[in-house]
């Protein structure tokens, strides 16, 4: 069952306990897991600057939440198993907060 949560809203209640940009980035990665995700596409979808998105993704990579695959000049990002579990937990948490 696909639950449509509006992650792009600016409601502070939804993001009271979570940081909005990292949450948006993770949820965008989860929603677009079948596509080739690269930093500029993710930053555009999360409404975040490229450099801030890259810093967040580097932090996620250090914690083994995402992995990078380089093809030519583009760096593709995908969720690891741990990252998918975290996304599921965050999604459940956001549903409970509504």
Protein backbone atom coordinates (compact mmCIF):
# COMPACT_ATOMS: atom_id res chain seq x y z
CA UNK A 1 0.00 0.00 0.00
CA UNK A 2 1.50 3.32 -1.11
CA UNK A 3 0.91 6.13 1.36
CA UNK A 4 1.08 9.58 -0.13
CA UNK A 5 2.77 11.88 2.35
CA UNK A 6 3.52 15.41 1.24
CA UNK A 7 7.19 15.68 2.24
CA UNK A 8 7.61 18.98 0.46
CA UNK A 9 5.29 20.92 2.74
CA UNK A 10 6.60 23.57 5.09
CA UNK A 11 4.60 22.52 8.15
CA UNK A 12 6.88 22.69 11.16
CA UNK A 13 4.71 20.19 13.06
CA UNK A 14 5.67 17.40 10.65
CA UNK A 15 9.37 18.07 11.06
CA UNK A 16 9.32 18.89 14.76
CA UNK A 17 11.65 16.01 15.66
CA UNK A 18 13.37 15.51 12.30
CA UNK A 19 15.44 17.86 10.18
CA UNK A 20 13.45 18.74 7.09
CA UNK A 21 16.13 18.66 4.36
CA UNK A 22 17.73 15.30 5.27
CA UNK A 23 14.26 13.79 5.63
CA UNK A 24 13.21 15.15 2.23
CA UNK A 25 16.39 13.78 0.65
CA UNK A 26 15.87 10.30 2.10
CA UNK A 27 12.20 10.18 1.13
CA UNK A 28 13.00 11.36 -2.41
CA UNK A 29 15.61 8.63 -2.72
CA UNK A 30 13.07 6.07 -1.55
CA UNK A 31 10.30 7.29 -3.87
CA UNK A 32 12.62 7.36 -6.89
CA UNK A 33 14.56 4.19 -6.10
CA UNK A 34 13.98 2.76 -9.59
CA UNK A 35 15.42 5.83 -11.32
CA UNK A 36 19.02 6.92 -11.62
CA UNK A 37 19.37 9.43 -8.79
CA UNK A 38 22.19 11.92 -8.95
CA UNK A 39 22.99 14.86 -6.69
CA UNK A 40 21.55 17.69 -8.79
CA UNK A 41 18.26 15.82 -9.32
CA UNK A 42 17.96 15.02 -5.62
CA UNK A 43 18.75 18.62 -4.63
CA UNK A 44 16.13 19.93 -7.05
CA UNK A 45 13.46 17.53 -5.71
CA UNK A 46 14.31 18.31 -2.08
CA UNK A 47 14.43 22.08 -2.77
CA UNK A 48 17.92 22.26 -1.35
CA UNK A 49 21.20 23.68 -2.67
CA UNK A 50 23.58 21.35 -4.47
CA UNK A 51 26.39 21.82 -1.93
CA UNK A 52 24.11 21.24 1.06
CA UNK A 53 22.65 18.11 -0.57
CA UNK A 54 26.14 16.81 -1.31
CA UNK A 55 27.21 17.38 2.31
CA UNK A 56 24.13 15.56 3.65
CA UNK A 57 24.69 12.66 1.22
CA UNK A 58 28.36 12.43 2.24
CA UNK A 59 27.27 12.21 5.89
CA UNK A 60 24.75 9.51 4.94
CA UNK A 61 27.47 7.65 3.05
CA UNK A 62 29.77 7.67 6.09
CA UNK A 63 26.93 6.12 8.10
CA UNK A 64 26.28 3.51 5.37
CA UNK A 65 22.79 4.85 4.60
CA UNK A 66 23.50 5.55 0.92
CA UNK A 67 26.10 4.36 -1.54
CA UNK A 68 27.64 6.18 -4.50
CA UNK A 69 28.27 4.70 -7.92
CA UNK A 70 30.24 6.75 -10.39
CA UNK A 71 29.53 6.49 -14.12
CA UNK A 72 31.58 8.97 -16.10
CA UNK A 73 31.10 12.40 -14.60
CA UNK A 74 27.83 11.58 -12.84
CA UNK A 75 27.71 10.19 -9.33
CA UNK A 76 24.58 8.09 -8.79
CA UNK A 77 23.17 7.58 -5.33
CA UNK A 78 21.16 4.65 -4.02
CA UNK A 79 19.88 3.62 -0.62
CA UNK A 80 21.60 0.72 1.11
CA UNK A 81 19.63 -1.93 3.00
CA UNK A 82 20.19 0.06 6.18
CA UNK A 83 18.99 3.21 4.38
CA UNK A 84 15.77 1.52 3.24
CA UNK A 85 15.06 0.38 6.81
CA UNK A 86 15.62 3.92 8.10
CA UNK A 87 13.27 5.32 5.43
CA UNK A 88 10.57 2.85 6.45
CA UNK A 89 10.97 3.85 10.11
CA UNK A 90 10.83 7.57 9.26
CA UNK A 91 7.75 7.04 7.08
CA UNK A 92 5.98 5.17 9.90
CA UNK A 93 7.00 7.92 12.33
CA UNK A 94 5.62 10.66 10.05
CA UNK A 95 2.34 8.77 9.69
CA UNK A 96 2.00 8.53 13.48
CA UNK A 97 2.70 12.27 13.85
CA UNK A 98 -0.18 13.25 11.58
